[in-house]
């Protein structure tokens, strides 16, 4: 496994809810259960079982990332590393800045659950495929 795949592994299980009936913020998929990430200092135990519970799942938009963002992150990381840790810090900062600002493609989705709740979210394309596979065979999945 390369470093790039390791750093992007969290993105492939994360669901960032941006609007709707669910609380906004980061959620993650654990099997077929959608769980809410911890809120600062407060443990939230909200879970939603998505197995056979998705009524409608619709792909809204493909969000392409700017190709210069990792380059800018590497530059900023190198400058900060040089300032605080010298030449070795500049090299480490450039590598860290590149990998921390490099994100894969994202898609925006809208989802309606059978209990009537709806939400808009931004996910990795592989997460969209996982949600489609979890969804109800009787629901409308586009």
Protein backbone atom coordinates (compact mmCIF):
# COMPACT_ATOMS: atom_id res chain seq x y z
CA UNK A 1 0.00 0.00 0.00
CA UNK A 2 1.44 3.36 -0.98
CA UNK A 3 1.34 6.49 1.16
CA UNK A 4 -1.22 8.15 -1.09
CA UNK A 5 -3.72 5.30 -0.62
CA UNK A 6 -3.13 5.32 3.13
CA UNK A 7 -3.81 9.06 3.42
CA UNK A 8 -6.96 8.86 1.30
CA UNK A 9 -8.41 5.83 3.11
CA UNK A 10 -10.34 8.03 5.55
CA UNK A 11 -11.91 9.97 2.68
CA UNK A 12 -13.38 6.76 1.30
CA UNK A 13 -15.39 6.08 4.47
CA UNK A 14 -16.30 9.69 5.26
CA UNK A 15 -19.59 11.35 4.43
CA UNK A 16 -19.68 15.13 4.86
CA UNK A 17 -23.32 16.17 5.33
CA UNK A 18 -23.76 19.76 4.15
CA UNK A 19 -27.55 20.26 4.39
CA UNK A 20 -30.79 18.51 5.22
CA UNK A 21 -32.48 16.76 8.12
CA UNK A 22 -29.29 15.19 9.50
CA UNK A 23 -26.92 17.34 11.56
CA UNK A 24 -24.24 18.89 9.38
CA UNK A 25 -20.71 17.61 9.75
CA UNK A 26 -18.64 14.52 9.23
CA UNK A 27 -20.24 11.09 9.35
CA UNK A 28 -18.61 7.79 8.49
CA UNK A 29 -19.82 4.45 7.23
CA UNK A 30 -19.18 1.41 9.43
CA UNK A 31 -20.49 -1.61 7.56
CA UNK A 32 -24.03 -0.55 6.69
CA UNK A 33 -24.36 1.87 9.62
CA UNK A 34 -23.92 5.58 9.20
CA UNK A 35 -22.32 6.99 12.35
CA UNK A 36 -21.72 10.56 13.37
CA UNK A 37 -18.15 11.55 14.15
CA UNK A 38 -17.25 12.92 17.54
CA UNK A 39 -18.12 16.52 18.20
CA UNK A 40 -15.45 18.44 20.14
CA UNK A 41 -15.40 16.92 23.60
CA UNK A 42 -18.85 15.35 23.29
CA UNK A 43 -19.36 11.76 22.22
CA UNK A 44 -22.33 11.47 19.91
CA UNK A 45 -23.77 8.01 19.53
CA UNK A 46 -26.16 8.73 16.68
CA UNK A 47 -26.27 5.91 14.13
CA UNK A 48 -28.51 5.20 11.17
CA UNK A 49 -28.80 1.73 9.68
CA UNK A 50 -28.77 2.23 5.92
CA UNK A 51 -29.41 -1.41 4.99
CA UNK A 52 -32.74 -1.45 3.16
CA UNK A 53 -33.39 2.11 4.42
CA UNK A 54 -32.35 4.22 1.41
CA UNK A 55 -35.39 5.32 -0.56
CA UNK A 56 -33.64 7.60 -3.07
CA UNK A 57 -29.95 8.12 -3.80
CA UNK A 58 -29.12 10.61 -6.51
CA UNK A 59 -25.75 11.71 -7.86
CA UNK A 60 -25.85 15.50 -8.15
CA UNK A 61 -22.46 16.74 -9.26
CA UNK A 62 -18.87 15.68 -9.78
CA UNK A 63 -16.55 18.10 -7.95
CA UNK A 64 -13.15 18.24 -9.62
CA UNK A 65 -10.21 19.42 -7.54
CA UNK A 66 -7.82 22.15 -8.61
CA UNK A 67 -4.59 20.52 -9.80
CA UNK A 68 -2.44 23.35 -8.38
CA UNK A 69 -3.68 22.89 -4.80
CA UNK A 70 -1.10 20.19 -3.83
CA UNK A 71 1.68 22.31 -5.35
CA UNK A 72 0.63 25.33 -3.29
CA UNK A 73 0.39 23.16 -0.18
CA UNK A 74 3.90 21.86 -0.78
CA UNK A 75 5.19 25.42 -1.15
CA UNK A 76 3.56 26.61 2.04
CA UNK A 77 4.77 23.51 3.89
CA UNK A 78 8.31 24.07 2.65
CA UNK A 79 8.29 27.72 3.75
CA UNK A 80 6.98 26.85 7.21
CA UNK A 81 9.44 23.97 7.55
CA UNK A 82 12.34 26.17 6.46
CA UNK A 83 11.34 28.90 8.89
CA UNK A 84 11.13 26.65 11.94
CA UNK A 85 13.37 23.63 11.19
CA UNK A 86 15.86 24.60 8.47
CA UNK A 87 16.55 22.74 5.23
CA UNK A 88 15.49 19.33 6.51
CA UNK A 89 12.26 20.87 7.79
CA UNK A 90 11.67 22.44 4.37
CA UNK A 91 11.85 19.04 2.68
CA UNK A 92 9.57 17.44 5.25
CA UNK A 93 7.18 20.38 5.12
CA UNK A 94 6.96 20.20 1.34
CA UNK A 95 6.11 16.50 1.43
CA UNK A 96 3.58 16.95 4.23
CA UNK A 97 2.00 19.98 2.57
CA UNK A 98 1.63 18.12 -0.71
CA UNK A 99 -0.07 15.08 0.82
CA UNK A 100 -2.30 17.03 3.20
CA UNK A 101 -3.73 19.24 0.46
CA UNK A 102 -4.05 16.50 -2.14
CA UNK A 103 -7.57 15.15 -2.12
CA UNK A 104 -9.15 12.89 -4.63
CA UNK A 105 -12.29 13.63 -6.59
CA UNK A 106 -15.56 14.15 -4.77
CA UNK A 107 -19.21 13.85 -5.74
CA UNK A 108 -22.23 15.54 -4.23
CA UNK A 109 -25.24 13.34 -3.58
CA UNK A 110 -28.78 13.72 -2.32
CA UNK A 111 -30.26 10.95 -0.24
CA UNK A 112 -33.76 10.31 1.05
CA UNK A 113 -34.34 7.70 3.73
CA UNK A 114 -37.53 5.66 4.09
CA UNK A 115 -38.37 7.50 7.35
CA UNK A 116 -38.63 10.77 5.36
CA UNK A 117 -35.32 12.35 6.29
CA UNK A 118 -33.31 13.89 3.45
CA UNK A 119 -29.78 15.18 3.26
CA UNK A 120 -27.16 16.49 0.84
CA UNK A 121 -23.62 15.21 1.24
CA UNK A 122 -20.18 15.27 -0.35
CA UNK A 123 -18.43 11.90 -0.63
CA UNK A 124 -15.61 10.11 -2.44
CA UNK A 125 -16.84 8.36 -5.63
CA UNK A 126 -16.07 4.95 -4.09
CA UNK A 127 -18.30 5.85 -1.13
CA UNK A 128 -21.13 6.64 -3.55
CA UNK A 129 -20.71 3.15 -5.04
CA UNK A 130 -20.80 1.62 -1.55
CA UNK A 131 -23.98 3.52 -0.69
CA UNK A 132 -25.57 2.29 -3.91
CA UNK A 133 -24.69 -1.30 -3.02
CA UNK A 134 -26.16 -0.89 0.47
CA UNK A 135 -29.36 0.76 -0.79
CA UNK A 136 -32.67 -0.96 -1.15
CA UNK A 137 -33.20 -3.00 -4.30
CA UNK A 138 -36.75 -1.59 -4.35
CA UNK A 139 -35.72 2.06 -3.95
CA UNK A 140 -34.84 4.46 -6.71
CA UNK A 141 -31.08 4.66 -7.04
CA UNK A 142 -29.68 6.85 -9.81
